[in-house]
Amino acid sequence: MSAVRDLFGTLQNEGASKGILITTSGYGKASYEFAEGKPIELLSGSNLLYLLAEHADIEAKIEAPSDWKDAQPDN
């Protein structure tokens, strides 16, 4: 969730009207709750793959390296 908070702080600091945060995995409940009502769009890996296929005609997949460990998701 720190990335979502950081993005919001950057939006405010830079006077941006909207921010989009993309991850190759997903977001936890706390991230969605924090972003609610704010000009932040959270895109998960599956959203990203859909957009690539739908708008860029790119069939992609997300693969993690075998030694990769997922960070603890927020609640």
PDB file of N, CA and C in Angstrom:
ATOM      1  N   MET A   1       0.808  -1.187   0.000  1.00  0.00           N
ATOM      2  CA  MET A   1       0.000   0.000   0.000  1.00  0.00           C
ATOM      3  C   MET A   1       0.859   1.261   0.000  1.00  0.00           C
ATOM      4  N   SER A   2       2.111   1.152   0.369  1.00  0.00           N
ATOM      5  CA  SER A   2       2.964   2.342   0.397  1.00  0.00           C
ATOM      6  C   SER A   2       3.103   2.957  -0.991  1.00  0.00           C
ATOM      7  N   ALA A   3       3.100   2.140  -2.041  1.00  0.00           N
ATOM      8  CA  ALA A   3       3.202   2.677  -3.404  1.00  0.00           C
ATOM      9  C   ALA A   3       1.975   3.515  -3.750  1.00  0.00           C
ATOM     10  N   VAL A   4       0.812   3.106  -3.277  1.00  0.00           N
ATOM     11  CA  VAL A   4      -0.422   3.851  -3.545  1.00  0.00           C
ATOM     12  C   VAL A   4      -0.376   5.189  -2.814  1.00  0.00           C
ATOM     13  N   ARG A   5       0.065   5.168  -1.572  1.00  0.00           N
ATOM     14  CA  ARG A   5       0.192   6.412  -0.804  1.00  0.00           C
ATOM     15  C   ARG A   5       1.238   7.331  -1.438  1.00  0.00           C
ATOM     16  N   ASP A   6       2.354   6.747  -1.858  1.00  0.00           N
ATOM     17  CA  ASP A   6       3.402   7.539  -2.507  1.00  0.00           C
ATOM     18  C   ASP A   6       2.883   8.196  -3.783  1.00  0.00           C
ATOM     19  N   LEU A   7       2.129   7.446  -4.571  1.00  0.00           N
ATOM     20  CA  LEU A   7       1.567   8.004  -5.799  1.00  0.00           C
ATOM     21  C   LEU A   7       0.631   9.161  -5.478  1.00  0.00           C
ATOM     22  N   PHE A   8      -0.201   9.005  -4.470  1.00  0.00           N
ATOM     23  CA  PHE A   8      -1.126  10.077  -4.096  1.00  0.00           C
ATOM     24  C   PHE A   8      -0.359  11.323  -3.657  1.00  0.00           C
ATOM     25  N   GLY A   9       0.691  11.133  -2.881  1.00  0.00           N
ATOM     26  CA  GLY A   9       1.518  12.264  -2.465  1.00  0.00           C
ATOM     27  C   GLY A   9       2.153  12.968  -3.655  1.00  0.00           C
ATOM     28  N   THR A  10       2.608  12.193  -4.620  1.00  0.00           N
ATOM     29  CA  THR A  10       3.198  12.765  -5.828  1.00  0.00           C
ATOM     30  C   THR A  10       2.150  13.530  -6.634  1.00  0.00           C
ATOM     31  N   LEU A  11       0.945  12.974  -6.734  1.00  0.00           N
ATOM     32  CA  LEU A  11      -0.138  13.672  -7.441  1.00  0.00           C
ATOM     33  C   LEU A  11      -0.384  15.043  -6.821  1.00  0.00           C
ATOM     34  N   GLN A  12      -0.458  15.072  -5.506  1.00  0.00           N
ATOM     35  CA  GLN A  12      -0.712  16.335  -4.813  1.00  0.00           C
ATOM     36  C   GLN A  12       0.456  17.295  -4.987  1.00  0.00           C
ATOM     37  N   ASN A  13       1.667  16.795  -4.841  1.00  0.00           N
ATOM     38  CA  ASN A  13       2.859  17.627  -4.932  1.00  0.00           C
ATOM     39  C   ASN A  13       3.037  18.227  -6.323  1.00  0.00           C
ATOM     40  N   GLU A  14       2.731  17.442  -7.355  1.00  0.00           N
ATOM     41  CA  GLU A  14       2.942  17.879  -8.734  1.00  0.00           C
ATOM     42  C   GLU A  14       1.710  18.525  -9.356  1.00  0.00           C
ATOM     43  N   GLY A  15       0.596  18.506  -8.651  1.00  0.00           N
ATOM     44  CA  GLY A  15      -0.628  19.087  -9.182  1.00  0.00           C
ATOM     45  C   GLY A  15      -1.238  18.283 -10.322  1.00  0.00           C
ATOM     46  N   ALA A  16      -0.976  16.983 -10.333  1.00  0.00           N
ATOM     47  CA  ALA A  16      -1.505  16.114 -11.389  1.00  0.00           C
ATOM     48  C   ALA A  16      -2.986  15.843 -11.149  1.00  0.00           C
ATOM     49  N   SER A  17      -3.717  15.616 -12.232  1.00  0.00           N
ATOM     50  CA  SER A  17      -5.153  15.378 -12.110  1.00  0.00           C
ATOM     51  C   SER A  17      -5.497  13.908 -11.930  1.00  0.00           C
ATOM     52  N   LYS A  18      -4.575  13.008 -12.276  1.00  0.00           N
ATOM     53  CA  LYS A  18      -4.849  11.576 -12.152  1.00  0.00           C
ATOM     54  C   LYS A  18      -3.535  10.804 -12.128  1.00  0.00           C
ATOM     55  N   GLY A  19      -3.565   9.673 -11.427  1.00  0.00           N
ATOM     56  CA  GLY A  19      -2.419   8.778 -11.404  1.00  0.00           C
ATOM     57  C   GLY A  19      -2.864   7.354 -11.669  1.00  0.00           C
ATOM     58  N   ILE A  20      -2.029   6.615 -12.355  1.00  0.00           N
ATOM     59  CA  ILE A  20      -2.305   5.207 -12.642  1.00  0.00           C
ATOM     60  C   ILE A  20      -1.130   4.399 -12.119  1.00  0.00           C
ATOM     61  N   LEU A  21      -1.431   3.411 -11.291  1.00  0.00           N
ATOM     62  CA  LEU A  21      -0.404   2.537 -10.736  1.00  0.00           C
ATOM     63  C   LEU A  21      -0.640   1.136 -11.278  1.00  0.00           C
ATOM     64  N   ILE A  22       0.394   0.563 -11.871  1.00  0.00           N
ATOM     65  CA  ILE A  22       0.288  -0.763 -12.478  1.00  0.00           C
ATOM     66  C   ILE A  22       1.228  -1.712 -11.758  1.00  0.00           C
ATOM     67  N   THR A  23       0.723  -2.885 -11.435  1.00  0.00           N
ATOM     68  CA  THR A  23       1.544  -3.935 -10.846  1.00  0.00           C
ATOM     69  C   THR A  23       1.369  -5.198 -11.671  1.00  0.00           C
ATOM     70  N   THR A  24       2.363  -6.052 -11.659  1.00  0.00           N
ATOM     71  CA  THR A  24       2.234  -7.321 -12.377  1.00  0.00           C
ATOM     72  C   THR A  24       1.448  -8.336 -11.568  1.00  0.00           C
ATOM     73  N   SER A  25       1.194  -8.032 -10.304  1.00  0.00           N
ATOM     74  CA  SER A  25       0.411  -8.958  -9.472  1.00  0.00           C
ATOM     75  C   SER A  25      -0.943  -8.329  -9.165  1.00  0.00           C
ATOM     76  N   GLY A  26      -1.172  -7.930  -7.940  1.00  0.00           N
ATOM     77  CA  GLY A  26      -2.456  -7.357  -7.564  1.00  0.00           C
ATOM     78  C   GLY A  26      -2.307  -6.437  -6.369  1.00  0.00           C
ATOM     79  N   TYR A  27      -3.428  -5.951  -5.863  1.00  0.00           N
ATOM     80  CA  TYR A  27      -3.462  -5.046  -4.722  1.00  0.00           C
ATOM     81  C   TYR A  27      -4.330  -5.649  -3.631  1.00  0.00           C
ATOM     82  N   GLY A  28      -4.050  -5.282  -2.421  1.00  0.00           N
ATOM     83  CA  GLY A  28      -4.858  -5.735  -1.301  1.00  0.00           C
ATOM     84  C   GLY A  28      -6.021  -4.788  -1.039  1.00  0.00           C
ATOM     85  N   LYS A  29      -6.883  -5.200  -0.151  1.00  0.00           N
ATOM     86  CA  LYS A  29      -8.087  -4.440   0.187  1.00  0.00           C
ATOM     87  C   LYS A  29      -7.752  -3.024   0.656  1.00  0.00           C
ATOM     88  N   ALA A  30      -6.720  -2.888   1.469  1.00  0.00           N
ATOM     89  CA  ALA A  30      -6.357  -1.571   2.006  1.00  0.00           C
ATOM     90  C   ALA A  30      -5.955  -0.607   0.897  1.00  0.00           C
ATOM     91  N   SER A  31      -5.308  -1.111  -0.141  1.00  0.00           N
ATOM     92  CA  SER A  31      -4.925  -0.254  -1.265  1.00  0.00           C
ATOM     93  C   SER A  31      -6.154   0.270  -1.991  1.00  0.00           C
ATOM     94  N   TYR A  32      -7.113  -0.619  -2.253  1.00  0.00           N
ATOM     95  CA  TYR A  32      -8.345  -0.195  -2.924  1.00  0.00           C
ATOM     96  C   TYR A  32      -9.132   0.775  -2.057  1.00  0.00           C
ATOM     97  N   GLU A  33      -9.167   0.533  -0.756  1.00  0.00           N
ATOM     98  CA  GLU A  33      -9.886   1.430   0.151  1.00  0.00           C
ATOM     99  C   GLU A  33      -9.235   2.807   0.178  1.00  0.00           C
ATOM    100  N   PHE A  34      -7.901   2.844   0.203  1.00  0.00           N
ATOM    101  CA  PHE A  34      -7.201   4.125   0.216  1.00  0.00           C
ATOM    102  C   PHE A  34      -7.440   4.887  -1.084  1.00  0.00           C
ATOM    103  N   ALA A  35      -7.425   4.196  -2.209  1.00  0.00           N
ATOM    104  CA  ALA A  35      -7.572   4.841  -3.519  1.00  0.00           C
ATOM    105  C   ALA A  35      -9.003   5.301  -3.797  1.00  0.00           C
ATOM    106  N   GLU A  36      -9.973   4.719  -3.093  1.00  0.00           N
ATOM    107  CA  GLU A  36     -11.380   5.052  -3.341  1.00  0.00           C
ATOM    108  C   GLU A  36     -11.636   6.544  -3.123  1.00  0.00           C
ATOM    109  N   GLY A  37     -12.252   7.168  -4.102  1.00  0.00           N
ATOM    110  CA  GLY A  37     -12.571   8.587  -4.016  1.00  0.00           C
ATOM    111  C   GLY A  37     -11.413   9.501  -4.374  1.00  0.00           C
ATOM    112  N   LYS A  38     -10.272   8.918  -4.699  1.00  0.00           N
ATOM    113  CA  LYS A  38      -9.101   9.695  -5.095  1.00  0.00           C
ATOM    114  C   LYS A  38      -8.868   9.489  -6.593  1.00  0.00           C
ATOM    115  N   PRO A  39      -8.163  10.405  -7.235  1.00  0.00           N
ATOM    116  CA  PRO A  39      -7.929  10.275  -8.677  1.00  0.00           C
ATOM    117  C   PRO A  39      -6.810   9.278  -8.991  1.00  0.00           C
ATOM    118  N   ILE A  40      -6.978   8.066  -8.478  1.00  0.00           N
ATOM    119  CA  ILE A  40      -5.975   7.016  -8.652  1.00  0.00           C
ATOM    120  C   ILE A  40      -6.650   5.799  -9.261  1.00  0.00           C
ATOM    121  N   GLU A  41      -6.043   5.270 -10.307  1.00  0.00           N
ATOM    122  CA  GLU A  41      -6.524   4.034 -10.921  1.00  0.00           C
ATOM    123  C   GLU A  41      -5.492   2.944 -10.651  1.00  0.00           C
ATOM    124  N   LEU A  42      -5.943   1.842 -10.087  1.00  0.00           N
ATOM    125  CA  LEU A  42      -5.062   0.717  -9.786  1.00  0.00           C
ATOM    126  C   LEU A  42      -5.294  -0.374 -10.822  1.00  0.00           C
ATOM    127  N   LEU A  43      -4.248  -0.729 -11.547  1.00  0.00           N
ATOM    128  CA  LEU A  43      -4.336  -1.783 -12.552  1.00  0.00           C
ATOM    129  C   LEU A  43      -3.500  -2.970 -12.110  1.00  0.00           C
ATOM    130  N   SER A  44      -4.123  -4.136 -12.115  1.00  0.00           N
ATOM    131  CA  SER A  44      -3.417  -5.371 -11.755  1.00  0.00           C
ATOM    132  C   SER A  44      -2.787  -5.980 -13.001  1.00  0.00           C
ATOM    133  N   GLY A  45      -2.052  -7.047 -12.798  1.00  0.00           N
ATOM    134  CA  GLY A  45      -1.428  -7.741 -13.917  1.00  0.00           C
ATOM    135  C   GLY A  45      -2.436  -8.207 -14.947  1.00  0.00           C
ATOM    136  N   SER A  46      -3.556  -8.742 -14.498  1.00  0.00           N
ATOM    137  CA  SER A  46      -4.567  -9.215 -15.448  1.00  0.00           C
ATOM    138  C   SER A  46      -5.188  -8.050 -16.216  1.00  0.00           C
ATOM    139  N   ASN A  47      -5.378  -6.895 -15.554  1.00  0.00           N
ATOM    140  CA  ASN A  47      -5.864  -5.698 -16.263  1.00  0.00           C
ATOM    141  C   ASN A  47      -4.878  -5.275 -17.343  1.00  0.00           C
ATOM    142  N   LEU A  48      -3.604  -5.297 -16.991  1.00  0.00           N
ATOM    143  CA  LEU A  48      -2.557  -4.908 -17.934  1.00  0.00           C
ATOM    144  C   LEU A  48      -2.544  -5.826 -19.147  1.00  0.00           C
ATOM    145  N   LEU A  49      -2.618  -7.122 -18.922  1.00  0.00           N
ATOM    146  CA  LEU A  49      -2.622  -8.074 -20.034  1.00  0.00           C
ATOM    147  C   LEU A  49      -3.833  -7.856 -20.937  1.00  0.00           C
ATOM    148  N   TYR A  50      -4.990  -7.604 -20.341  1.00  0.00           N
ATOM    149  CA  TYR A  50      -6.197  -7.344 -21.124  1.00  0.00           C
ATOM    150  C   TYR A  50      -6.022  -6.097 -21.996  1.00  0.00           C
ATOM    151  N   LEU A  51      -5.528  -5.016 -21.409  1.00  0.00           N
ATOM    152  CA  LEU A  51      -5.356  -3.776 -22.161  1.00  0.00           C
ATOM    153  C   LEU A  51      -4.358  -3.933 -23.299  1.00  0.00           C
ATOM    154  N   LEU A  52      -3.276  -4.662 -23.057  1.00  0.00           N
ATOM    155  CA  LEU A  52      -2.302  -4.913 -24.124  1.00  0.00           C
ATOM    156  C   LEU A  52      -2.933  -5.678 -25.275  1.00  0.00           C
ATOM    157  N   ALA A  53      -3.720  -6.689 -24.953  1.00  0.00           N
ATOM    158  CA  ALA A  53      -4.364  -7.498 -25.992  1.00  0.00           C
ATOM    159  C   ALA A  53      -5.441  -6.702 -26.722  1.00  0.00           C
ATOM    160  N   GLU A  54      -6.243  -5.979 -25.985  1.00  0.00           N
ATOM    161  CA  GLU A  54      -7.387  -5.271 -26.562  1.00  0.00           C
ATOM    162  C   GLU A  54      -6.988  -4.062 -27.399  1.00  0.00           C
ATOM    163  N   HIS A  55      -5.995  -3.314 -26.943  1.00  0.00           N
ATOM    164  CA  HIS A  55      -5.687  -2.039 -27.584  1.00  0.00           C
ATOM    165  C   HIS A  55      -4.379  -2.015 -28.364  1.00  0.00           C
ATOM    166  N   ALA A  56      -3.489  -2.950 -28.102  1.00  0.00           N
ATOM    167  CA  ALA A  56      -2.202  -2.959 -28.806  1.00  0.00           C
ATOM    168  C   ALA A  56      -1.979  -4.251 -29.576  1.00  0.00           C
ATOM    169  N   ASP A  57      -2.964  -5.146 -29.540  1.00  0.00           N
ATOM    170  CA  ASP A  57      -2.869  -6.441 -30.220  1.00  0.00           C
ATOM    171  C   ASP A  57      -1.594  -7.197 -29.816  1.00  0.00           C
ATOM    172  N   ILE A  58      -1.277  -7.112 -28.528  1.00  0.00           N
ATOM    173  CA  ILE A  58      -0.103  -7.800 -27.981  1.00  0.00           C
ATOM    174  C   ILE A  58      -0.580  -8.884 -27.029  1.00  0.00           C
ATOM    175  N   GLU A  59      -0.239 -10.112 -27.328  1.00  0.00           N
ATOM    176  CA  GLU A  59      -0.548 -11.229 -26.431  1.00  0.00           C
ATOM    177  C   GLU A  59       0.673 -11.440 -25.535  1.00  0.00           C
ATOM    178  N   ALA A  60       0.552 -11.071 -24.295  1.00  0.00           N
ATOM    179  CA  ALA A  60       1.669 -11.152 -23.357  1.00  0.00           C
ATOM    180  C   ALA A  60       1.284 -12.035 -22.184  1.00  0.00           C
ATOM    181  N   LYS A  61       2.280 -12.426 -21.412  1.00  0.00           N
ATOM    182  CA  LYS A  61       2.028 -13.135 -20.166  1.00  0.00           C
ATOM    183  C   LYS A  61       3.040 -12.656 -19.145  1.00  0.00           C
ATOM    184  N   ILE A  62       2.685 -12.800 -17.908  1.00  0.00           N
ATOM    185  CA  ILE A  62       3.551 -12.366 -16.816  1.00  0.00           C
ATOM    186  C   ILE A  62       4.090 -13.606 -16.130  1.00  0.00           C
ATOM    187  N   GLU A  63       5.391 -13.723 -16.122  1.00  0.00           N
ATOM    188  CA  GLU A  63       6.041 -14.854 -15.461  1.00  0.00           C
ATOM    189  C   GLU A  63       7.046 -14.331 -14.450  1.00  0.00           C
ATOM    190  N   ALA A  64       6.980 -14.850 -13.260  1.00  0.00           N
ATOM    191  CA  ALA A  64       7.937 -14.475 -12.221  1.00  0.00           C
ATOM    192  C   ALA A  64       9.148 -15.398 -12.293  1.00  0.00           C
ATOM    193  N   PRO A  65      10.336 -14.866 -12.023  1.00  0.00           N
ATOM    194  CA  PRO A  65      11.514 -15.728 -11.956  1.00  0.00           C
ATOM    195  C   PRO A  65      11.319 -16.801 -10.888  1.00  0.00           C
ATOM    196  N   SER A  66      11.962 -17.930 -11.057  1.00  0.00           N
ATOM    197  CA  SER A  66      11.770 -19.055 -10.134  1.00  0.00           C
ATOM    198  C   SER A  66      12.168 -18.715  -8.695  1.00  0.00           C
ATOM    199  N   ASP A  67      13.094 -17.786  -8.510  1.00  0.00           N
ATOM    200  CA  ASP A  67      13.545 -17.434  -7.159  1.00  0.00           C
ATOM    201  C   ASP A  67      12.830 -16.198  -6.600  1.00  0.00           C
ATOM    202  N   TRP A  68      11.800 -15.737  -7.279  1.00  0.00           N
ATOM    203  CA  TRP A  68      11.083 -14.542  -6.874  1.00  0.00           C
ATOM    204  C   TRP A  68      10.145 -14.834  -5.722  1.00  0.00           C
ATOM    205  N   LYS A  69      10.079 -13.908  -4.769  1.00  0.00           N
ATOM    206  CA  LYS A  69       9.170 -14.033  -3.630  1.00  0.00           C
ATOM    207  C   LYS A  69       8.259 -12.819  -3.613  1.00  0.00           C
ATOM    208  N   ASP A  70       6.970 -13.072  -3.503  1.00  0.00           N
ATOM    209  CA  ASP A  70       5.981 -12.007  -3.469  1.00  0.00           C
ATOM    210  C   ASP A  70       6.043 -11.299  -2.124  1.00  0.00           C
ATOM    211  N   ALA A  71       5.935  -9.985  -2.165  1.00  0.00           N
ATOM    212  CA  ALA A  71       5.879  -9.218  -0.923  1.00  0.00           C
ATOM    213  C   ALA A  71       4.567  -9.517  -0.217  1.00  0.00           C
ATOM    214  N   GLN A  72       4.567  -9.366   1.067  1.00  0.00           N
ATOM    215  CA  GLN A  72       3.357  -9.594   1.857  1.00  0.00           C
ATOM    216  C   GLN A  72       2.282  -8.619   1.399  1.00  0.00           C
ATOM    217  N   PRO A  73       1.137  -9.100   0.906  1.00  0.00           N
ATOM    218  CA  PRO A  73       0.084  -8.181   0.479  1.00  0.00           C
ATOM    219  C   PRO A  73      -0.522  -7.453   1.673  1.00  0.00           C
ATOM    220  N   ASP A  74      -1.023  -6.245   1.419  1.00  0.00           N
ATOM    221  CA  ASP A  74      -1.696  -5.529   2.500  1.00  0.00           C
ATOM    222  C   ASP A  74      -3.071  -6.137   2.723  1.00  0.00           C
ATOM    223  N   ASN A  75      -3.680  -5.818   3.836  1.00  0.00           N
ATOM    224  CA  ASN A  75      -4.977  -6.414   4.193  1.00  0.00           C
ATOM    225  C   ASN A  75      -6.125  -5.675   3.608  1.00  0.00           C
TER     226      ASN A  75
END
